[in-house]
Amino acid sequence: MGVMVSEVYDALVAAGAPESKARAAAESIPVTERLATTQDISDLKDDISDLRSLLEDWRSVVVTHAELHRSQRELKADLNAERWKSTVVQIVATVALVVALLRFM
C-alpha cells in the first residue's frame, strides 16, 4: 500500500468514483515531499564530485604507500648487503692482522 493523497481520494469519492478506484488513483500520485528537487539533484552531483575527488586522493595515498613500502624493502636489502660486505671486510682485516703479527714473531 502506497502513500495516498487524501485530498484526491476525497474529491474522487465525492465525484462518485468507487472507493477502491479512488484509493488506487490517489495512491498512484507521487507525494511532492518525496520527490527530488532540482536543488536536491544539484547537491547530489556536488557530493558525488566531492567523493570522486576524495577517492582520487586516496588512490594517490595508496600508490604512494605502495611505492614507499617497495623502497623500504629495497633499502633493507641494500643495508643487509652492506652489512654483509662490512662483516667480510672485518674478517679479512682481522685475518690480515693475525697474519702480519705472525710474520713479526
C-alpha atoms as a PDB file:
ATOM      1  CA  MET A   1       0.000   0.000   0.000  1.00  0.00           C
ATOM      2  CA  GLY A   2       1.477   3.323  -1.100  1.00  0.00           C
ATOM      3  CA  VAL A   3       1.133   6.791   0.285  1.00  0.00           C
ATOM      4  CA  MET A   4      -2.246   8.250  -0.555  1.00  0.00           C
ATOM      5  CA  VAL A   5      -3.067  11.863  -1.308  1.00  0.00           C
ATOM      6  CA  SER A   6      -6.204  12.110   0.802  1.00  0.00           C
ATOM      7  CA  GLU A   7      -7.481  15.279  -0.903  1.00  0.00           C
ATOM      8  CA  VAL A   8      -7.513  13.478  -4.259  1.00  0.00           C
ATOM      9  CA  TYR A   9      -9.206  10.446  -2.725  1.00  0.00           C
ATOM     10  CA  ASP A  10     -11.886  12.601  -1.095  1.00  0.00           C
ATOM     11  CA  ALA A  11     -12.504  14.508  -4.326  1.00  0.00           C
ATOM     12  CA  LEU A  12     -12.837  11.303  -6.374  1.00  0.00           C
ATOM     13  CA  VAL A  13     -15.230   9.727  -3.873  1.00  0.00           C
ATOM     14  CA  ALA A  14     -17.267  12.955  -3.770  1.00  0.00           C
ATOM     15  CA  ALA A  15     -17.402  12.901  -7.572  1.00  0.00           C
ATOM     16  CA  GLY A  16     -18.926   9.412  -7.430  1.00  0.00           C
ATOM     17  CA  ALA A  17     -15.887   7.152  -8.074  1.00  0.00           C
ATOM     18  CA  PRO A  18     -15.905   3.787  -6.293  1.00  0.00           C
ATOM     19  CA  GLU A  19     -13.761   3.844  -3.152  1.00  0.00           C
ATOM     20  CA  SER A  20     -11.342   1.166  -4.411  1.00  0.00           C
ATOM     21  CA  LYS A  21     -10.667   3.069  -7.644  1.00  0.00           C
ATOM     22  CA  ALA A  22     -10.430   6.396  -5.816  1.00  0.00           C
ATOM     23  CA  ARG A  23      -7.898   4.856  -3.405  1.00  0.00           C
ATOM     24  CA  ALA A  24      -5.833   3.344  -6.252  1.00  0.00           C
ATOM     25  CA  ALA A  25      -5.810   6.652  -8.129  1.00  0.00           C
ATOM     26  CA  ALA A  26      -4.903   8.656  -5.021  1.00  0.00           C
ATOM     27  CA  GLU A  27      -2.075   6.238  -4.201  1.00  0.00           C
ATOM     28  CA  SER A  28      -0.642   6.466  -7.736  1.00  0.00           C
ATOM     29  CA  ILE A  29       0.017  10.203  -7.432  1.00  0.00           C
ATOM     30  CA  PRO A  30       3.552  10.904  -6.197  1.00  0.00           C
ATOM     31  CA  VAL A  31       3.771  12.836  -2.968  1.00  0.00           C
ATOM     32  CA  THR A  32       5.739  16.016  -3.692  1.00  0.00           C
ATOM     33  CA  GLU A  33       7.651  15.818  -0.413  1.00  0.00           C
ATOM     34  CA  ARG A  34       9.162  12.546  -1.621  1.00  0.00           C
ATOM     35  CA  LEU A  35      10.342  13.859  -4.992  1.00  0.00           C
ATOM     36  CA  ALA A  36      13.832  15.222  -5.539  1.00  0.00           C
ATOM     37  CA  THR A  37      14.030  18.871  -6.448  1.00  0.00           C
ATOM     38  CA  THR A  38      16.478  20.375  -8.924  1.00  0.00           C
ATOM     39  CA  GLN A  39      18.466  21.630  -5.931  1.00  0.00           C
ATOM     40  CA  ASP A  40      18.487  18.130  -4.390  1.00  0.00           C
ATOM     41  CA  ILE A  41      19.910  16.702  -7.613  1.00  0.00           C
ATOM     42  CA  SER A  42      22.458  19.515  -7.866  1.00  0.00           C
ATOM     43  CA  ASP A  43      23.530  18.875  -4.271  1.00  0.00           C
ATOM     44  CA  LEU A  44      23.876  15.154  -5.007  1.00  0.00           C
ATOM     45  CA  LYS A  45      26.011  15.903  -8.061  1.00  0.00           C
ATOM     46  CA  ASP A  46      28.244  18.127  -5.919  1.00  0.00           C
ATOM     47  CA  ASP A  47      28.503  15.400  -3.281  1.00  0.00           C
ATOM     48  CA  ILE A  48      29.405  12.810  -5.922  1.00  0.00           C
ATOM     49  CA  SER A  49      32.046  15.153  -7.333  1.00  0.00           C
ATOM     50  CA  ASP A  50      33.494  15.639  -3.841  1.00  0.00           C
ATOM     51  CA  LEU A  51      33.526  11.875  -3.285  1.00  0.00           C
ATOM     52  CA  ARG A  52      35.316  11.333  -6.603  1.00  0.00           C
ATOM     53  CA  SER A  53      37.965  13.855  -5.572  1.00  0.00           C
ATOM     54  CA  LEU A  54      38.405  12.114  -2.229  1.00  0.00           C
ATOM     55  CA  LEU A  55      38.684   8.766  -3.992  1.00  0.00           C
ATOM     56  CA  GLU A  56      41.408  10.129  -6.273  1.00  0.00           C
ATOM     57  CA  ASP A  57      43.240  11.485  -3.224  1.00  0.00           C
ATOM     58  CA  TRP A  58      43.034   8.083  -1.542  1.00  0.00           C
ATOM     59  CA  ARG A  59      44.259   6.355  -4.688  1.00  0.00           C
ATOM     60  CA  SER A  60      47.285   8.656  -4.625  1.00  0.00           C
ATOM     61  CA  VAL A  61      47.883   7.821  -0.973  1.00  0.00           C
ATOM     62  CA  VAL A  62      47.641   4.088  -1.668  1.00  0.00           C
ATOM     63  CA  VAL A  63      50.037   4.324  -4.620  1.00  0.00           C
ATOM     64  CA  THR A  64      52.460   6.449  -2.587  1.00  0.00           C
ATOM     65  CA  HIS A  65      52.245   3.993   0.304  1.00  0.00           C
ATOM     66  CA  ALA A  66      52.968   1.074  -2.035  1.00  0.00           C
ATOM     67  CA  GLU A  67      55.945   2.914  -3.535  1.00  0.00           C
ATOM     68  CA  LEU A  68      57.293   3.744  -0.075  1.00  0.00           C
ATOM     69  CA  HIS A  69      56.875   0.139   1.027  1.00  0.00           C
ATOM     70  CA  ARG A  70      58.751  -1.094  -2.054  1.00  0.00           C
ATOM     71  CA  SER A  71      61.528   1.475  -1.461  1.00  0.00           C
ATOM     72  CA  GLN A  72      61.747   0.408   2.176  1.00  0.00           C
ATOM     73  CA  ARG A  73      62.190  -3.235   1.140  1.00  0.00           C
ATOM     74  CA  GLU A  74      64.894  -2.227  -1.343  1.00  0.00           C
ATOM     75  CA  LEU A  75      66.702  -0.144   1.292  1.00  0.00           C
ATOM     76  CA  LYS A  76      66.584  -3.029   3.755  1.00  0.00           C
ATOM     77  CA  ALA A  77      68.055  -5.338   1.128  1.00  0.00           C
ATOM     78  CA  ASP A  78      70.797  -2.802   0.373  1.00  0.00           C
ATOM     79  CA  LEU A  79      71.517  -2.359   4.076  1.00  0.00           C
ATOM     80  CA  ASN A  80      71.772  -6.114   4.568  1.00  0.00           C
ATOM     81  CA  ALA A  81      74.163  -6.326   1.616  1.00  0.00           C
ATOM     82  CA  GLU A  82      76.290  -3.527   3.086  1.00  0.00           C
ATOM     83  CA  ARG A  83      76.307  -5.250   6.479  1.00  0.00           C
ATOM     84  CA  TRP A  84      77.478  -8.432   4.803  1.00  0.00           C
ATOM     85  CA  LYS A  85      80.246  -6.550   2.986  1.00  0.00           C
ATOM     86  CA  SER A  86      81.272  -4.850   6.234  1.00  0.00           C
ATOM     87  CA  THR A  87      81.411  -8.193   8.023  1.00  0.00           C
ATOM     88  CA  VAL A  88      83.572  -9.699   5.265  1.00  0.00           C
ATOM     89  CA  VAL A  89      85.912  -6.684   5.363  1.00  0.00           C
ATOM     90  CA  GLN A  90      86.230  -7.008   9.158  1.00  0.00           C
ATOM     91  CA  ILE A  91      87.022 -10.718   8.858  1.00  0.00           C
ATOM     92  CA  VAL A  92      89.617 -10.103   6.133  1.00  0.00           C
ATOM     93  CA  ALA A  93      91.177  -7.268   8.155  1.00  0.00           C
ATOM     94  CA  THR A  94      91.332  -9.469  11.256  1.00  0.00           C
ATOM     95  CA  VAL A  95      92.922 -12.320   9.305  1.00  0.00           C
ATOM     96  CA  ALA A  96      95.416  -9.884   7.727  1.00  0.00           C
ATOM     97  CA  LEU A  97      96.298  -8.539  11.170  1.00  0.00           C
ATOM     98  CA  VAL A  98      96.812 -12.027  12.549  1.00  0.00           C
ATOM     99  CA  VAL A  99      98.994 -12.944   9.537  1.00  0.00           C
ATOM    100  CA  ALA A 100     101.029  -9.755   9.959  1.00  0.00           C
ATOM    101  CA  LEU A 101     101.503 -10.430  13.670  1.00  0.00           C
ATOM    102  CA  LEU A 102     102.566 -13.993  12.971  1.00  0.00           C
ATOM    103  CA  ARG A 103     105.214 -12.787  10.480  1.00  0.00           C
ATOM    104  CA  PHE A 104     106.734 -10.472  13.042  1.00  0.00           C
ATOM    105  CA  MET A 105     107.046 -13.199  15.642  1.00  0.00           C
END
